[in-house]
N, C-alpha and C. Protein backbone atom coordinates (compact mmCIF):
# COMPACT_ATOMS: atom_id res chain seq x y z
N UNK A 1 13.94 -51.62 39.53
CA UNK A 1 13.33 -52.77 40.19
C UNK A 1 11.85 -52.55 40.44
N UNK A 2 11.47 -51.32 40.88
CA UNK A 2 10.08 -51.01 41.13
C UNK A 2 9.23 -51.25 39.90
N UNK A 3 9.77 -50.86 38.75
CA UNK A 3 9.04 -51.01 37.50
C UNK A 3 8.72 -52.47 37.20
N UNK A 4 9.70 -53.36 37.39
CA UNK A 4 9.50 -54.77 37.06
C UNK A 4 8.54 -55.43 38.05
N UNK A 5 8.56 -54.97 39.31
CA UNK A 5 7.61 -55.48 40.29
C UNK A 5 6.19 -55.09 39.89
N UNK A 6 6.02 -53.83 39.49
CA UNK A 6 4.71 -53.35 39.08
C UNK A 6 4.21 -54.09 37.86
N UNK A 7 5.09 -54.30 36.89
CA UNK A 7 4.70 -55.02 35.68
C UNK A 7 4.26 -56.45 36.01
N UNK A 8 5.00 -57.10 36.90
CA UNK A 8 4.67 -58.47 37.27
C UNK A 8 3.34 -58.54 38.00
N UNK A 9 3.13 -57.63 38.96
CA UNK A 9 1.87 -57.60 39.70
C UNK A 9 0.70 -57.33 38.78
N UNK A 10 0.90 -56.39 37.85
CA UNK A 10 -0.19 -56.07 36.93
C UNK A 10 -0.52 -57.26 36.05
N UNK A 11 0.50 -57.95 35.59
CA UNK A 11 0.30 -59.11 34.73
C UNK A 11 -0.48 -60.19 35.47
N UNK A 12 -0.17 -60.40 36.74
CA UNK A 12 -0.86 -61.41 37.54
C UNK A 12 -2.32 -61.04 37.73
N UNK A 13 -2.56 -59.75 38.07
CA UNK A 13 -3.92 -59.30 38.37
C UNK A 13 -4.80 -59.34 37.13
N UNK A 14 -4.28 -58.79 36.02
CA UNK A 14 -5.10 -58.65 34.83
C UNK A 14 -5.19 -59.93 34.02
N UNK A 15 -4.04 -60.62 33.86
CA UNK A 15 -4.02 -61.76 32.95
C UNK A 15 -3.97 -63.11 33.65
N UNK A 16 -3.77 -63.09 34.96
CA UNK A 16 -3.89 -64.30 35.75
C UNK A 16 -2.71 -65.24 35.67
N UNK A 17 -1.57 -64.77 35.20
CA UNK A 17 -0.41 -65.64 35.14
C UNK A 17 0.86 -64.81 35.13
N UNK A 18 1.94 -65.44 35.52
CA UNK A 18 3.23 -64.77 35.53
C UNK A 18 3.80 -64.66 34.12
N UNK A 19 4.58 -63.59 33.84
CA UNK A 19 5.30 -63.56 32.58
C UNK A 19 6.39 -64.60 32.56
N UNK A 20 6.95 -64.85 31.42
CA UNK A 20 8.00 -65.86 31.30
C UNK A 20 9.15 -65.57 32.23
N UNK A 21 9.64 -66.58 32.88
CA UNK A 21 10.72 -66.44 33.85
C UNK A 21 12.08 -66.69 33.22
N UNK A 22 13.11 -66.30 33.96
CA UNK A 22 14.50 -66.55 33.57
C UNK A 22 14.86 -65.91 32.23
N UNK A 23 14.29 -64.73 31.96
CA UNK A 23 14.65 -64.01 30.76
C UNK A 23 15.89 -63.18 31.04
N UNK A 24 17.04 -63.54 30.46
CA UNK A 24 18.30 -62.92 30.86
C UNK A 24 18.55 -61.57 30.22
N UNK A 25 17.79 -61.23 29.16
CA UNK A 25 18.10 -60.02 28.43
C UNK A 25 16.91 -59.09 28.35
N UNK A 26 17.23 -57.82 28.19
CA UNK A 26 16.22 -56.78 28.01
C UNK A 26 15.66 -56.91 26.59
N UNK A 27 14.33 -56.77 26.45
CA UNK A 27 13.71 -56.93 25.14
C UNK A 27 12.88 -55.70 24.79
N UNK A 28 12.93 -55.33 23.52
CA UNK A 28 12.15 -54.21 22.99
C UNK A 28 11.32 -54.74 21.83
N UNK A 29 10.07 -54.29 21.74
CA UNK A 29 9.20 -54.71 20.64
C UNK A 29 8.75 -53.51 19.82
N UNK A 30 8.54 -53.74 18.55
CA UNK A 30 7.95 -52.71 17.67
C UNK A 30 6.44 -52.81 17.78
N UNK A 31 5.78 -51.65 17.88
CA UNK A 31 4.33 -51.63 18.06
C UNK A 31 3.64 -51.63 16.69
N UNK A 32 2.78 -52.60 16.48
CA UNK A 32 2.02 -52.74 15.24
C UNK A 32 0.66 -52.06 15.41
N UNK A 33 0.50 -50.91 14.78
CA UNK A 33 -0.73 -50.12 14.94
C UNK A 33 -1.47 -50.03 13.62
N UNK A 34 -2.71 -49.55 13.67
CA UNK A 34 -3.50 -49.35 12.47
C UNK A 34 -3.32 -47.93 11.95
N UNK A 35 -3.51 -47.76 10.63
CA UNK A 35 -3.54 -46.43 10.06
C UNK A 35 -2.31 -46.01 9.29
N UNK A 36 -1.17 -46.63 9.52
CA UNK A 36 0.05 -46.19 8.86
C UNK A 36 1.08 -47.29 8.74
N UNK A 37 2.28 -46.89 8.31
CA UNK A 37 3.34 -47.87 8.05
C UNK A 37 4.16 -48.14 9.32
N UNK A 38 3.54 -48.89 10.22
CA UNK A 38 4.19 -49.25 11.48
C UNK A 38 5.48 -50.05 11.23
N UNK A 39 5.58 -50.69 10.08
CA UNK A 39 6.69 -51.57 9.73
C UNK A 39 7.89 -50.82 9.17
N UNK A 40 7.84 -49.48 9.12
CA UNK A 40 8.94 -48.70 8.56
C UNK A 40 10.25 -48.96 9.30
N UNK A 41 11.36 -48.62 8.64
CA UNK A 41 12.69 -48.75 9.26
C UNK A 41 12.97 -50.18 9.72
N UNK A 42 12.96 -51.10 8.79
CA UNK A 42 13.03 -52.51 9.14
C UNK A 42 14.38 -52.96 9.70
N UNK A 43 15.44 -52.21 9.42
CA UNK A 43 16.75 -52.61 9.96
C UNK A 43 17.12 -51.81 11.21
N UNK A 44 16.27 -50.90 11.63
CA UNK A 44 16.63 -49.97 12.70
C UNK A 44 16.87 -50.64 14.05
N UNK A 45 15.87 -51.34 14.56
CA UNK A 45 16.00 -51.91 15.90
C UNK A 45 17.12 -52.94 16.00
N UNK A 46 17.23 -53.89 15.06
CA UNK A 46 18.35 -54.83 15.16
C UNK A 46 19.71 -54.14 15.20
N UNK A 47 19.89 -53.07 14.42
CA UNK A 47 21.16 -52.34 14.45
C UNK A 47 21.37 -51.64 15.78
N UNK A 48 20.30 -51.08 16.32
CA UNK A 48 20.41 -50.42 17.63
C UNK A 48 20.77 -51.44 18.70
N UNK A 49 20.11 -52.60 18.68
CA UNK A 49 20.40 -53.63 19.67
C UNK A 49 21.86 -54.07 19.60
N UNK A 50 22.36 -54.25 18.40
CA UNK A 50 23.76 -54.67 18.24
C UNK A 50 24.71 -53.59 18.75
N UNK A 51 24.39 -52.33 18.46
CA UNK A 51 25.22 -51.23 18.94
C UNK A 51 25.26 -51.22 20.47
N UNK A 52 24.12 -51.40 21.09
CA UNK A 52 24.06 -51.42 22.56
C UNK A 52 24.88 -52.58 23.11
N UNK A 53 24.73 -53.74 22.50
CA UNK A 53 25.48 -54.92 22.95
C UNK A 53 26.99 -54.71 22.83
N UNK A 54 27.41 -54.06 21.74
CA UNK A 54 28.84 -53.89 21.47
C UNK A 54 29.47 -52.73 22.24
N UNK A 55 28.67 -51.77 22.70
CA UNK A 55 29.23 -50.55 23.26
C UNK A 55 28.83 -50.26 24.70
N UNK A 56 28.06 -51.15 25.30
CA UNK A 56 27.70 -50.98 26.71
C UNK A 56 27.80 -52.34 27.38
N UNK A 57 27.58 -52.35 28.67
CA UNK A 57 27.58 -53.61 29.42
C UNK A 57 26.19 -54.22 29.51
N UNK A 58 25.27 -53.66 28.80
CA UNK A 58 23.89 -54.09 28.88
C UNK A 58 23.66 -55.36 28.08
N UNK A 59 22.85 -56.26 28.62
CA UNK A 59 22.46 -57.48 27.92
C UNK A 59 21.11 -57.25 27.27
N UNK A 60 21.07 -57.27 25.95
CA UNK A 60 19.83 -56.98 25.23
C UNK A 60 19.59 -58.03 24.16
N UNK A 61 18.35 -58.43 24.00
CA UNK A 61 17.98 -59.39 22.98
C UNK A 61 18.13 -58.76 21.60
N UNK A 62 18.79 -59.43 20.68
CA UNK A 62 19.09 -58.86 19.38
C UNK A 62 17.96 -59.02 18.37
N UNK A 63 16.90 -59.72 18.72
CA UNK A 63 15.79 -59.92 17.80
C UNK A 63 14.73 -58.84 18.00
N UNK A 64 14.14 -58.40 16.88
CA UNK A 64 13.04 -57.44 16.94
C UNK A 64 11.72 -58.19 17.01
N UNK A 65 11.01 -58.04 18.12
CA UNK A 65 9.68 -58.62 18.25
C UNK A 65 8.64 -57.59 17.81
N UNK A 66 7.45 -58.06 17.48
CA UNK A 66 6.34 -57.20 17.10
C UNK A 66 5.18 -57.48 18.06
N UNK A 67 4.55 -56.41 18.55
CA UNK A 67 3.45 -56.57 19.50
C UNK A 67 2.33 -55.61 19.13
N UNK A 68 1.10 -56.01 19.38
CA UNK A 68 -0.06 -55.17 19.08
C UNK A 68 -0.51 -54.43 20.33
N UNK A 69 -1.11 -53.24 20.16
CA UNK A 69 -1.43 -52.38 21.31
C UNK A 69 -2.37 -52.99 22.33
N UNK A 70 -3.30 -53.84 21.90
CA UNK A 70 -4.27 -54.42 22.82
C UNK A 70 -3.84 -55.77 23.38
N UNK A 71 -2.67 -56.22 22.99
CA UNK A 71 -2.23 -57.57 23.36
C UNK A 71 -1.73 -57.65 24.79
N UNK A 72 -1.98 -58.79 25.43
CA UNK A 72 -1.41 -59.03 26.75
C UNK A 72 0.10 -59.19 26.68
N UNK A 73 0.61 -59.52 25.51
CA UNK A 73 2.04 -59.75 25.35
C UNK A 73 2.86 -58.48 25.56
N UNK A 74 2.22 -57.33 25.45
CA UNK A 74 2.97 -56.08 25.58
C UNK A 74 3.62 -55.96 26.96
N UNK A 75 3.03 -56.62 27.96
CA UNK A 75 3.55 -56.54 29.33
C UNK A 75 4.84 -57.33 29.52
N UNK A 76 5.24 -58.07 28.51
CA UNK A 76 6.51 -58.78 28.56
C UNK A 76 7.68 -57.87 28.18
N UNK A 77 7.36 -56.68 27.67
CA UNK A 77 8.40 -55.78 27.17
C UNK A 77 8.44 -54.50 28.00
N UNK A 78 9.57 -54.20 28.63
CA UNK A 78 9.68 -52.94 29.37
C UNK A 78 9.59 -51.72 28.46
N UNK A 79 9.84 -51.92 27.15
CA UNK A 79 9.83 -50.79 26.21
C UNK A 79 9.27 -51.25 24.86
N UNK A 80 8.43 -50.39 24.25
CA UNK A 80 7.95 -50.63 22.90
C UNK A 80 8.28 -49.41 22.04
N UNK A 81 8.51 -49.66 20.76
CA UNK A 81 8.94 -48.63 19.82
C UNK A 81 7.91 -48.48 18.72
N UNK A 82 7.55 -47.24 18.42
CA UNK A 82 6.57 -46.94 17.39
C UNK A 82 7.16 -45.93 16.43
N UNK A 83 7.05 -46.20 15.13
CA UNK A 83 7.54 -45.25 14.13
C UNK A 83 6.60 -45.26 12.93
N UNK A 84 6.83 -44.38 11.98
CA UNK A 84 6.00 -44.31 10.79
C UNK A 84 6.02 -42.93 10.17
N UNK A 85 5.29 -42.79 9.06
CA UNK A 85 5.30 -41.56 8.29
C UNK A 85 3.97 -40.80 8.31
N UNK A 86 2.98 -41.28 9.02
CA UNK A 86 1.69 -40.59 8.95
C UNK A 86 0.73 -41.01 10.03
N UNK A 87 -0.43 -41.45 9.63
CA UNK A 87 -1.54 -41.66 10.55
C UNK A 87 -1.27 -42.80 11.54
N UNK A 88 -1.79 -42.61 12.74
CA UNK A 88 -1.79 -43.63 13.79
C UNK A 88 -3.21 -43.68 14.33
N UNK A 89 -3.76 -44.87 14.47
CA UNK A 89 -5.11 -45.01 15.00
C UNK A 89 -5.15 -46.10 16.06
N UNK A 90 -5.62 -45.73 17.25
CA UNK A 90 -5.85 -46.69 18.32
C UNK A 90 -7.34 -46.70 18.65
N UNK A 91 -7.90 -47.89 18.86
CA UNK A 91 -9.28 -47.94 19.34
C UNK A 91 -9.30 -47.86 20.87
N UNK A 92 -10.48 -47.88 21.44
CA UNK A 92 -10.61 -47.67 22.89
C UNK A 92 -9.90 -48.77 23.68
N UNK A 93 -10.02 -50.01 23.23
CA UNK A 93 -9.34 -51.10 23.92
C UNK A 93 -7.83 -50.91 23.90
N UNK A 94 -7.32 -50.45 22.76
CA UNK A 94 -5.88 -50.24 22.62
C UNK A 94 -5.38 -49.08 23.47
N UNK A 95 -6.13 -47.96 23.48
CA UNK A 95 -5.69 -46.83 24.31
C UNK A 95 -5.72 -47.20 25.79
N UNK A 96 -6.73 -47.95 26.20
CA UNK A 96 -6.80 -48.37 27.60
C UNK A 96 -5.63 -49.27 27.96
N UNK A 97 -5.32 -50.22 27.08
CA UNK A 97 -4.23 -51.15 27.36
C UNK A 97 -2.89 -50.44 27.39
N UNK A 98 -2.68 -49.49 26.46
CA UNK A 98 -1.43 -48.74 26.44
C UNK A 98 -1.30 -47.87 27.69
N UNK A 99 -2.41 -47.31 28.15
CA UNK A 99 -2.36 -46.51 29.38
C UNK A 99 -1.98 -47.39 30.57
N UNK A 100 -2.62 -48.55 30.69
CA UNK A 100 -2.30 -49.45 31.80
C UNK A 100 -0.85 -49.91 31.71
N UNK A 101 -0.40 -50.17 30.50
CA UNK A 101 0.98 -50.61 30.30
C UNK A 101 1.96 -49.57 30.82
N UNK A 102 1.75 -48.32 30.45
CA UNK A 102 2.66 -47.25 30.87
C UNK A 102 2.55 -47.00 32.36
N UNK A 103 1.32 -46.93 32.88
CA UNK A 103 1.15 -46.66 34.31
C UNK A 103 1.68 -47.80 35.17
N UNK A 104 1.82 -48.98 34.58
CA UNK A 104 2.37 -50.13 35.29
C UNK A 104 3.89 -50.21 35.20
N UNK A 105 4.51 -49.25 34.50
CA UNK A 105 5.97 -49.22 34.42
C UNK A 105 6.54 -49.32 33.04
N UNK A 106 5.71 -49.53 32.02
CA UNK A 106 6.19 -49.65 30.66
C UNK A 106 6.60 -48.30 30.06
N UNK A 107 7.30 -48.35 28.94
CA UNK A 107 7.80 -47.15 28.27
C UNK A 107 7.50 -47.24 26.78
N UNK A 108 7.00 -46.14 26.20
CA UNK A 108 6.73 -46.08 24.77
C UNK A 108 7.61 -45.01 24.14
N UNK A 109 8.33 -45.39 23.09
CA UNK A 109 9.09 -44.43 22.28
C UNK A 109 8.38 -44.27 20.95
N UNK A 110 7.89 -43.04 20.68
CA UNK A 110 7.29 -42.69 19.39
C UNK A 110 8.30 -41.86 18.62
N UNK A 111 8.81 -42.41 17.55
CA UNK A 111 9.87 -41.77 16.77
C UNK A 111 9.31 -41.37 15.41
N UNK A 112 9.08 -40.07 15.20
CA UNK A 112 8.48 -39.58 13.97
C UNK A 112 9.45 -39.74 12.80
N UNK A 113 9.03 -40.57 11.84
CA UNK A 113 9.83 -40.80 10.64
C UNK A 113 9.56 -39.73 9.58
N UNK A 114 8.58 -38.89 9.86
CA UNK A 114 8.15 -37.72 9.09
C UNK A 114 6.67 -37.84 8.77
N UNK A 115 5.91 -36.86 9.22
CA UNK A 115 4.48 -36.81 8.96
C UNK A 115 3.63 -37.39 10.06
N UNK A 116 4.24 -37.84 11.16
CA UNK A 116 3.52 -38.51 12.23
C UNK A 116 3.10 -37.57 13.35
N UNK A 117 3.65 -36.38 13.38
CA UNK A 117 3.52 -35.46 14.50
C UNK A 117 2.08 -35.26 14.98
N UNK A 118 1.21 -34.77 14.12
CA UNK A 118 -0.15 -34.43 14.55
C UNK A 118 -0.93 -35.66 14.99
N UNK A 119 -0.69 -36.78 14.32
CA UNK A 119 -1.42 -38.01 14.66
C UNK A 119 -0.92 -38.58 15.99
N UNK A 120 0.39 -38.53 16.19
CA UNK A 120 0.96 -39.02 17.45
C UNK A 120 0.43 -38.21 18.63
N UNK A 121 0.42 -36.89 18.49
CA UNK A 121 -0.06 -36.04 19.58
C UNK A 121 -1.55 -36.25 19.85
N UNK A 122 -2.30 -36.48 18.79
CA UNK A 122 -3.73 -36.78 18.96
C UNK A 122 -3.95 -38.05 19.75
N UNK A 123 -3.20 -39.11 19.40
CA UNK A 123 -3.38 -40.39 20.07
C UNK A 123 -2.82 -40.37 21.50
N UNK A 124 -1.74 -39.64 21.70
CA UNK A 124 -1.21 -39.50 23.07
C UNK A 124 -2.25 -38.87 23.98
N UNK A 125 -2.95 -37.87 23.46
CA UNK A 125 -4.01 -37.22 24.26
C UNK A 125 -5.13 -38.19 24.58
N UNK A 126 -5.43 -39.09 23.66
CA UNK A 126 -6.47 -40.09 23.91
C UNK A 126 -6.00 -41.13 24.92
N UNK A 127 -4.73 -41.48 24.87
CA UNK A 127 -4.20 -42.45 25.83
C UNK A 127 -4.09 -41.84 27.22
N UNK A 128 -3.65 -40.58 27.27
CA UNK A 128 -3.41 -39.91 28.55
C UNK A 128 -4.18 -38.59 28.63
N UNK A 129 -5.51 -38.66 28.74
CA UNK A 129 -6.30 -37.43 28.77
C UNK A 129 -6.02 -36.55 29.99
N UNK A 130 -5.49 -37.14 31.04
CA UNK A 130 -5.25 -36.39 32.27
C UNK A 130 -3.79 -35.99 32.45
N UNK A 131 -2.97 -36.21 31.43
CA UNK A 131 -1.55 -35.88 31.51
C UNK A 131 -1.19 -34.88 30.42
N UNK A 132 -0.21 -34.05 30.71
CA UNK A 132 0.25 -33.05 29.75
C UNK A 132 1.52 -33.52 29.05
N UNK A 133 1.53 -33.41 27.73
CA UNK A 133 2.73 -33.71 26.96
C UNK A 133 3.66 -32.52 27.06
N UNK A 134 4.84 -32.73 27.65
CA UNK A 134 5.75 -31.63 27.92
C UNK A 134 7.06 -31.81 27.15
N UNK A 135 7.65 -30.69 26.76
CA UNK A 135 8.96 -30.78 26.13
C UNK A 135 9.99 -31.22 27.17
N UNK A 136 10.85 -32.13 26.78
CA UNK A 136 11.86 -32.67 27.69
C UNK A 136 13.07 -31.74 27.69
N UNK A 137 13.47 -31.22 28.83
CA UNK A 137 14.61 -30.29 28.87
C UNK A 137 15.92 -31.00 28.57
N UNK A 138 16.89 -30.25 28.05
CA UNK A 138 18.19 -30.83 27.70
C UNK A 138 18.90 -31.39 28.93
N UNK A 139 18.52 -30.92 30.10
CA UNK A 139 19.16 -31.38 31.33
C UNK A 139 18.63 -32.73 31.82
N UNK A 140 17.62 -33.27 31.15
CA UNK A 140 17.02 -34.53 31.60
C UNK A 140 18.02 -35.67 31.48
N UNK A 141 17.96 -36.63 32.41
CA UNK A 141 18.91 -37.76 32.40
C UNK A 141 18.89 -38.60 31.12
N UNK A 142 17.81 -38.59 30.37
CA UNK A 142 17.77 -39.40 29.14
C UNK A 142 18.83 -38.94 28.14
N UNK A 143 19.26 -37.70 28.26
CA UNK A 143 20.29 -37.18 27.35
C UNK A 143 21.71 -37.39 27.88
N UNK A 144 21.83 -38.04 29.04
CA UNK A 144 23.15 -38.19 29.64
C UNK A 144 23.36 -39.58 30.25
N UNK A 145 22.58 -40.56 29.87
CA UNK A 145 22.65 -41.88 30.47
C UNK A 145 24.01 -42.53 30.31
N UNK A 146 24.51 -42.53 29.10
CA UNK A 146 25.80 -43.16 28.80
C UNK A 146 26.60 -42.26 27.87
N UNK A 147 25.90 -41.68 26.90
CA UNK A 147 26.48 -40.71 25.98
C UNK A 147 25.84 -39.35 26.26
N UNK A 148 26.62 -38.31 26.22
CA UNK A 148 26.14 -36.98 26.62
C UNK A 148 25.70 -36.18 25.41
N UNK A 149 24.45 -35.69 25.48
CA UNK A 149 23.88 -34.82 24.45
C UNK A 149 23.43 -33.53 25.14
N UNK A 150 24.31 -32.57 25.22
CA UNK A 150 24.01 -31.34 25.94
C UNK A 150 22.96 -30.48 25.25
N UNK A 151 22.74 -30.72 23.96
CA UNK A 151 21.74 -29.95 23.20
C UNK A 151 20.54 -30.79 22.82
N UNK A 152 20.31 -31.87 23.54
CA UNK A 152 19.14 -32.71 23.27
C UNK A 152 19.33 -33.62 22.08
N UNK A 153 18.25 -33.94 21.42
CA UNK A 153 18.26 -34.91 20.32
C UNK A 153 19.20 -34.50 19.19
N UNK A 154 19.90 -35.46 18.61
CA UNK A 154 20.72 -35.15 17.43
C UNK A 154 19.83 -35.00 16.20
N UNK A 155 20.30 -34.24 15.24
CA UNK A 155 19.58 -34.06 13.98
C UNK A 155 20.08 -35.11 12.99
N UNK A 156 19.19 -35.99 12.57
CA UNK A 156 19.56 -37.05 11.63
C UNK A 156 19.16 -36.66 10.21
N UNK A 157 17.87 -36.37 10.01
CA UNK A 157 17.38 -35.98 8.69
C UNK A 157 16.62 -34.66 8.78
N UNK A 158 16.76 -33.86 7.76
CA UNK A 158 16.05 -32.59 7.68
C UNK A 158 14.62 -32.83 7.18
N UNK A 159 13.66 -32.29 7.91
CA UNK A 159 12.26 -32.44 7.51
C UNK A 159 11.69 -31.08 7.10
N UNK A 160 11.43 -30.24 8.07
CA UNK A 160 10.79 -28.95 7.80
C UNK A 160 11.64 -27.77 8.28
N UNK A 161 12.97 -27.97 8.24
CA UNK A 161 13.89 -26.90 8.63
C UNK A 161 13.62 -26.42 10.06
N UNK A 162 13.35 -27.39 10.95
CA UNK A 162 13.10 -27.08 12.35
C UNK A 162 14.08 -27.85 13.21
N UNK A 163 14.37 -27.37 14.41
CA UNK A 163 15.28 -28.10 15.29
C UNK A 163 14.61 -29.35 15.84
N UNK A 164 15.38 -30.38 16.16
CA UNK A 164 14.79 -31.57 16.76
C UNK A 164 14.23 -31.27 18.14
N UNK A 165 13.13 -31.94 18.47
CA UNK A 165 12.49 -31.76 19.77
C UNK A 165 12.09 -33.10 20.35
N UNK A 166 12.11 -33.17 21.67
CA UNK A 166 11.65 -34.36 22.38
C UNK A 166 10.58 -33.96 23.37
N UNK A 167 9.45 -34.65 23.33
CA UNK A 167 8.35 -34.41 24.25
C UNK A 167 8.10 -35.68 25.05
N UNK A 168 7.50 -35.50 26.22
CA UNK A 168 7.28 -36.67 27.05
C UNK A 168 6.04 -36.59 27.91
N UNK A 169 5.56 -37.76 28.30
CA UNK A 169 4.55 -37.91 29.34
C UNK A 169 5.30 -38.39 30.58
N UNK A 170 5.10 -37.68 31.69
CA UNK A 170 5.79 -38.01 32.94
C UNK A 170 4.79 -38.58 33.94
N UNK A 171 5.11 -39.74 34.50
CA UNK A 171 4.26 -40.40 35.48
C UNK A 171 5.04 -40.47 36.79
N UNK A 172 4.60 -39.71 37.77
CA UNK A 172 5.29 -39.65 39.07
C UNK A 172 6.77 -39.33 38.90
N UNK A 173 7.06 -38.40 37.99
CA UNK A 173 8.43 -37.98 37.75
C UNK A 173 9.21 -38.81 36.77
N UNK A 174 8.68 -39.98 36.41
CA UNK A 174 9.35 -40.87 35.46
C UNK A 174 8.94 -40.54 34.04
N UNK A 175 9.90 -40.38 33.15
CA UNK A 175 9.60 -40.24 31.74
C UNK A 175 9.07 -41.58 31.25
N UNK A 176 7.79 -41.63 30.85
CA UNK A 176 7.15 -42.90 30.54
C UNK A 176 6.79 -43.04 29.07
N UNK A 177 6.69 -41.92 28.38
CA UNK A 177 6.46 -41.92 26.93
C UNK A 177 7.30 -40.80 26.35
N UNK A 178 7.97 -41.08 25.24
CA UNK A 178 8.83 -40.08 24.60
C UNK A 178 8.47 -39.98 23.13
N UNK A 179 8.22 -38.75 22.69
CA UNK A 179 7.92 -38.47 21.29
C UNK A 179 9.06 -37.64 20.71
N UNK A 180 9.72 -38.16 19.68
CA UNK A 180 10.82 -37.44 19.05
C UNK A 180 10.36 -36.88 17.71
N UNK A 181 10.65 -35.58 17.51
CA UNK A 181 10.23 -34.88 16.30
C UNK A 181 11.42 -34.20 15.65
N UNK A 182 11.41 -34.13 14.33
CA UNK A 182 12.44 -33.43 13.56
C UNK A 182 13.85 -33.98 13.82
N UNK A 183 13.92 -35.22 14.22
CA UNK A 183 15.21 -35.86 14.48
C UNK A 183 15.38 -37.08 13.59
N UNK A 184 14.39 -37.99 13.63
CA UNK A 184 14.40 -39.20 12.80
C UNK A 184 15.49 -40.18 13.23
N UNK A 185 15.48 -40.50 14.51
CA UNK A 185 16.47 -41.43 15.06
C UNK A 185 16.47 -42.76 14.31
N UNK A 186 15.28 -43.29 14.03
CA UNK A 186 15.19 -44.60 13.39
C UNK A 186 15.88 -44.67 12.04
N UNK A 187 15.84 -43.57 11.27
CA UNK A 187 16.56 -43.55 10.00
C UNK A 187 18.06 -43.64 10.24
N UNK A 188 18.53 -43.02 11.32
CA UNK A 188 19.95 -43.09 11.65
C UNK A 188 20.39 -44.46 12.11
N UNK A 189 19.44 -45.27 12.59
CA UNK A 189 19.78 -46.63 13.02
C UNK A 189 19.81 -47.61 11.85
N UNK A 190 19.22 -47.25 10.73
CA UNK A 190 19.11 -48.19 9.61
C UNK A 190 20.47 -48.55 9.03
N UNK A 191 20.48 -49.61 8.21
CA UNK A 191 21.70 -49.99 7.51
C UNK A 191 22.27 -48.79 6.74
N UNK A 192 23.57 -48.71 6.68
CA UNK A 192 24.24 -47.57 6.06
C UNK A 192 23.74 -47.28 4.64
N UNK A 193 23.52 -48.34 3.86
CA UNK A 193 23.16 -48.14 2.45
C UNK A 193 21.73 -47.65 2.25
N UNK A 194 20.89 -47.70 3.27
CA UNK A 194 19.49 -47.29 3.13
C UNK A 194 19.37 -45.79 2.87
N UNK A 195 20.10 -44.99 3.66
CA UNK A 195 20.01 -43.54 3.52
C UNK A 195 21.35 -42.87 3.21
N UNK A 196 22.43 -43.64 3.27
CA UNK A 196 23.77 -43.10 3.01
C UNK A 196 24.11 -41.92 3.92
N UNK A 197 23.68 -42.01 5.16
CA UNK A 197 24.01 -40.96 6.12
C UNK A 197 25.48 -41.02 6.50
N UNK A 198 26.12 -39.88 6.79
CA UNK A 198 27.50 -39.89 7.27
C UNK A 198 27.62 -40.72 8.55
N UNK A 199 28.77 -41.32 8.74
CA UNK A 199 28.97 -42.18 9.90
C UNK A 199 28.79 -41.44 11.21
N UNK A 200 29.21 -40.17 11.26
CA UNK A 200 29.06 -39.43 12.51
C UNK A 200 27.60 -39.18 12.85
N UNK A 201 26.76 -39.05 11.82
CA UNK A 201 25.32 -38.87 12.05
C UNK A 201 24.70 -40.17 12.55
N UNK A 202 25.05 -41.27 11.91
CA UNK A 202 24.55 -42.58 12.35
C UNK A 202 24.99 -42.88 13.77
N UNK A 203 26.23 -42.54 14.09
CA UNK A 203 26.75 -42.81 15.43
C UNK A 203 25.96 -42.05 16.49
N UNK A 204 25.68 -40.77 16.23
CA UNK A 204 24.93 -39.98 17.20
C UNK A 204 23.51 -40.54 17.38
N UNK A 205 22.91 -40.97 16.29
CA UNK A 205 21.57 -41.55 16.40
C UNK A 205 21.60 -42.83 17.24
N UNK A 206 22.58 -43.67 17.01
CA UNK A 206 22.69 -44.92 17.78
C UNK A 206 23.00 -44.64 19.24
N UNK A 207 23.83 -43.66 19.50
CA UNK A 207 24.16 -43.31 20.88
C UNK A 207 22.92 -42.79 21.61
N UNK A 208 22.13 -41.96 20.94
CA UNK A 208 20.92 -41.45 21.57
C UNK A 208 19.93 -42.57 21.82
N UNK A 209 19.82 -43.50 20.87
CA UNK A 209 18.95 -44.65 21.06
C UNK A 209 19.39 -45.49 22.25
N UNK A 210 20.69 -45.68 22.39
CA UNK A 210 21.22 -46.43 23.53
C UNK A 210 20.88 -45.71 24.84
N UNK A 211 20.98 -44.39 24.84
CA UNK A 211 20.62 -43.63 26.04
C UNK A 211 19.17 -43.88 26.45
N UNK A 212 18.28 -43.88 25.47
CA UNK A 212 16.86 -44.07 25.77
C UNK A 212 16.62 -45.44 26.39
N UNK A 213 17.20 -46.47 25.78
CA UNK A 213 17.03 -47.83 26.32
C UNK A 213 17.62 -47.93 27.72
N UNK A 214 18.77 -47.34 27.93
CA UNK A 214 19.40 -47.43 29.25
C UNK A 214 18.61 -46.63 30.29
N UNK A 215 17.99 -45.53 29.87
CA UNK A 215 17.12 -44.79 30.80
C UNK A 215 15.96 -45.68 31.26
N UNK A 216 15.37 -46.41 30.32
CA UNK A 216 14.26 -47.28 30.67
C UNK A 216 14.71 -48.33 31.68
N UNK A 217 15.88 -48.90 31.47
CA UNK A 217 16.39 -49.91 32.39
C UNK A 217 16.61 -49.34 33.79
N UNK A 218 17.13 -48.14 33.84
CA UNK A 218 17.50 -47.54 35.13
C UNK A 218 16.35 -46.87 35.85
N UNK A 219 15.22 -46.78 35.21
CA UNK A 219 14.10 -46.08 35.83
C UNK A 219 12.80 -46.87 35.75
């Protein structure tokens, strides 16, 4: 509740109007950035939304929206998702807006599709120069929201023969930005025929995605 109050107050102060009212469902948007293939994994979010709707009591919008980093529209979404295979570039206006968005209660999930690691960490430092990107311990609630992952992120695709890792920016104890590496959750959310992943691998990826969304709702 605190998060939604903060988002509403920020929207009023900065943009001078209330966000749309009577929105019955939780909404997630894909972040459209410069420098890389922000549009990757085109079936991922819709499949994740359907999985959440079918396997939890959560009400979530099944459509994938797209939002730009400097847009006022970003404040309509409690969570935004960013993925890709390489470079990410934010200008000063975008980094400022993303910082305000997160500090106002928003959540950013950066899911490395492979090759995004160094660029994501560079841009996170620009967005949050005064915050430290920390590895998220396996005991964190994001790994136990609805489905239990005692060993942290599931391994979906092999990249560089390294274990999956999750890093985060914490704001007043709240996980506000999450960077997933060597896991490739978004590939696990895609349609079965895209990567031909085993069903148990896809299931774990979807379950972890549901955990992240539910963490955002509860915090």
